[in-house]
Amino acid sequence: MDKDRFDKIAEPIALVVDDEPLIRMDTADFISEAGYYVVEADTADEAFAFLEKYSFLQLLFTDVQTGGDLDGFELARTVAERWPDIKVIVASGARMPQEGDLPSNASFVQKPFSAATLLEALQEHFPHEVSKTRDKS
């Protein structure tokens, strides 16, 4: 997908990263239902490569353990340094964040999470956009 196609998307754009296909699909569906256009990646490395080309998205949602060289915490910190306007949600059922794991533009959601829990995390980052979307449904 090229930047011109992304420029035509009216919704905020989110990148969802999880190496488990069913979890990634469910998460992408939750985020899509909240009003985002969703792009998916299997690993943090794949997400980083995507961001190198298309860094104009508004939200990164990443699992901590995604396989590859980077984990979700490292990806979140890299995004905070290079693209500080991108908000980040990090999720894990296996690892809780330790001191210094999460940058200031990130929040943490423990797996398994519900659609309502994810919506709350999204509202923290984008209260206006998410509330408009909920009003339509």
Protein backbone atom coordinates (compact mmCIF):
# COMPACT_ATOMS: atom_id res chain seq x y z
CA MET A 1 0.00 0.00 0.00
CA ASP A 2 1.37 3.40 -0.87
CA LYS A 3 1.08 6.70 0.97
CA ASP A 4 -1.44 8.07 -1.54
CA ARG A 5 -3.86 5.27 -0.64
CA PHE A 6 -3.36 5.97 3.08
CA ASP A 7 -4.00 9.68 2.49
CA LYS A 8 -7.50 8.81 1.25
CA ILE A 9 -8.42 6.97 4.46
CA ALA A 10 -10.68 9.11 6.64
CA GLU A 11 -10.33 7.07 9.85
CA PRO A 12 -7.33 7.17 12.15
CA ILE A 13 -4.89 4.41 11.16
CA ALA A 14 -3.75 1.69 13.56
CA LEU A 15 -1.06 -0.95 13.18
CA VAL A 16 -1.81 -4.18 15.10
CA VAL A 17 1.13 -6.50 15.84
CA ASP A 18 0.68 -10.03 17.16
CA ASP A 19 2.22 -13.31 16.03
CA GLU A 20 -0.92 -15.27 16.92
CA PRO A 21 -3.23 -14.89 13.88
CA LEU A 22 -6.54 -15.37 15.72
CA ILE A 23 -5.62 -12.95 18.50
CA ARG A 24 -4.37 -10.43 15.93
CA MET A 25 -7.63 -10.74 13.95
CA ASP A 26 -9.77 -10.30 17.09
CA THR A 27 -7.73 -7.29 18.19
CA ALA A 28 -7.89 -5.79 14.71
CA ASP A 29 -11.68 -6.26 14.73
CA PHE A 30 -12.01 -4.55 18.14
CA ILE A 31 -9.91 -1.62 16.98
CA SER A 32 -11.70 -1.41 13.64
CA GLU A 33 -15.07 -1.33 15.41
CA ALA A 34 -13.75 1.62 17.43
CA GLY A 35 -13.34 3.55 14.18
CA TYR A 36 -9.78 2.83 13.02
CA TYR A 37 -8.48 1.65 9.69
CA VAL A 38 -6.31 -1.33 10.69
CA VAL A 39 -3.10 -2.68 9.19
CA GLU A 40 -1.73 -5.95 10.59
CA ALA A 41 1.79 -7.29 11.15
CA ASP A 42 3.02 -10.65 12.48
CA THR A 43 6.16 -9.43 14.25
CA ALA A 44 7.61 -6.28 15.76
CA ASP A 45 10.33 -6.46 13.10
CA GLU A 46 7.68 -6.43 10.35
CA ALA A 47 5.91 -3.55 12.10
CA PHE A 48 9.17 -1.58 12.29
CA ALA A 49 9.79 -2.12 8.56
CA PHE A 50 6.24 -0.90 7.88
CA LEU A 51 6.80 2.19 10.04
CA GLU A 52 10.01 2.99 8.20
CA LYS A 53 7.87 3.42 5.07
CA TYR A 54 4.57 4.60 6.56
CA SER A 55 5.10 6.43 9.83
CA PHE A 56 1.96 8.56 9.58
CA LEU A 57 -0.39 6.28 11.51
CA GLN A 58 -1.94 7.32 14.81
CA LEU A 59 -1.86 4.11 16.86
CA LEU A 60 0.40 1.12 17.33
CA PHE A 61 -1.02 -1.85 19.20
CA THR A 62 1.59 -4.52 19.88
CA ASP A 63 1.90 -7.74 21.80
CA VAL A 64 5.13 -8.02 23.81
CA GLN A 65 6.18 -11.43 22.49
CA THR A 66 5.95 -11.33 18.71
CA GLY A 67 8.99 -13.23 17.54
CA GLY A 68 11.88 -11.68 15.63
CA ASP A 69 14.66 -9.47 16.96
CA LEU A 70 12.45 -6.81 18.58
CA ASP A 71 9.87 -7.42 21.27
CA GLY A 72 6.83 -5.21 21.81
CA PHE A 73 8.49 -3.14 24.55
CA GLU A 74 11.49 -2.41 22.31
CA LEU A 75 9.17 -1.52 19.45
CA ALA A 76 7.19 0.84 21.73
CA ARG A 77 10.37 2.60 22.87
CA THR A 78 11.66 2.90 19.28
CA VAL A 79 8.35 4.38 18.15
CA ALA A 80 8.41 6.86 21.04
CA GLU A 81 11.90 8.02 20.01
CA ARG A 82 11.43 8.16 16.25
CA TRP A 83 7.70 8.88 15.89
CA PRO A 84 6.53 10.46 19.16
CA ASP A 85 3.10 11.40 17.77
CA ILE A 86 2.12 7.74 17.42
CA LYS A 87 0.28 6.51 20.49
CA VAL A 88 1.12 2.98 21.63
CA ILE A 89 -0.77 0.24 23.44
CA VAL A 90 1.31 -2.76 24.54
CA ALA A 91 -0.36 -6.02 25.56
CA SER A 92 0.83 -9.22 27.17
CA GLY A 93 -0.47 -12.12 29.16
CA ALA A 94 3.01 -13.33 30.03
CA ARG A 95 5.07 -10.23 30.90
CA MET A 96 4.14 -7.20 32.93
CA PRO A 97 6.00 -3.97 32.16
CA GLN A 98 8.96 -3.18 34.38
CA GLU A 99 10.51 0.22 35.08
CA GLY A 100 11.57 1.74 31.75
CA ASP A 101 9.70 -0.76 29.55
CA LEU A 102 6.94 1.65 28.51
CA PRO A 103 7.56 5.09 27.05
CA SER A 104 5.35 8.02 28.07
CA ASN A 105 3.17 7.72 24.94
CA ALA A 106 2.28 4.10 25.76
CA SER A 107 -0.18 2.25 27.93
CA PHE A 108 -0.37 -1.42 28.88
CA VAL A 109 -3.27 -3.86 28.59
CA GLN A 110 -3.08 -7.29 30.19
CA LYS A 111 -4.19 -10.27 28.11
CA PRO A 112 -6.72 -11.65 27.84
CA PHE A 113 -8.63 -8.40 27.43
CA SER A 114 -12.19 -7.65 26.47
CA ALA A 115 -13.40 -5.27 23.79
CA ALA A 116 -14.48 -2.92 26.60
CA THR A 117 -10.98 -2.92 28.16
CA LEU A 118 -9.41 -2.17 24.79
CA LEU A 119 -11.94 0.58 24.13
CA GLU A 120 -11.01 2.20 27.46
CA ALA A 121 -7.33 2.18 26.47
CA LEU A 122 -8.21 3.69 23.08
CA GLN A 123 -10.29 6.40 24.73
CA GLU A 124 -7.29 7.40 26.85
CA HIS A 125 -5.35 8.12 23.64
CA PHE A 126 -8.12 9.41 21.38
CA PRO A 127 -11.18 10.32 23.46
CA HIS A 128 -12.81 12.46 20.77
CA GLU A 129 -12.47 10.02 17.85
CA VAL A 130 -13.50 6.93 19.82
CA SER A 131 -16.50 8.63 21.44
CA LYS A 132 -17.71 9.86 18.02
CA THR A 133 -17.50 6.31 16.69
CA ARG A 134 -19.39 4.89 19.64
CA ASP A 135 -22.14 7.51 19.21
CA LYS A 136 -22.75 6.23 15.65
CA SER A 137 -23.39 2.65 16.77
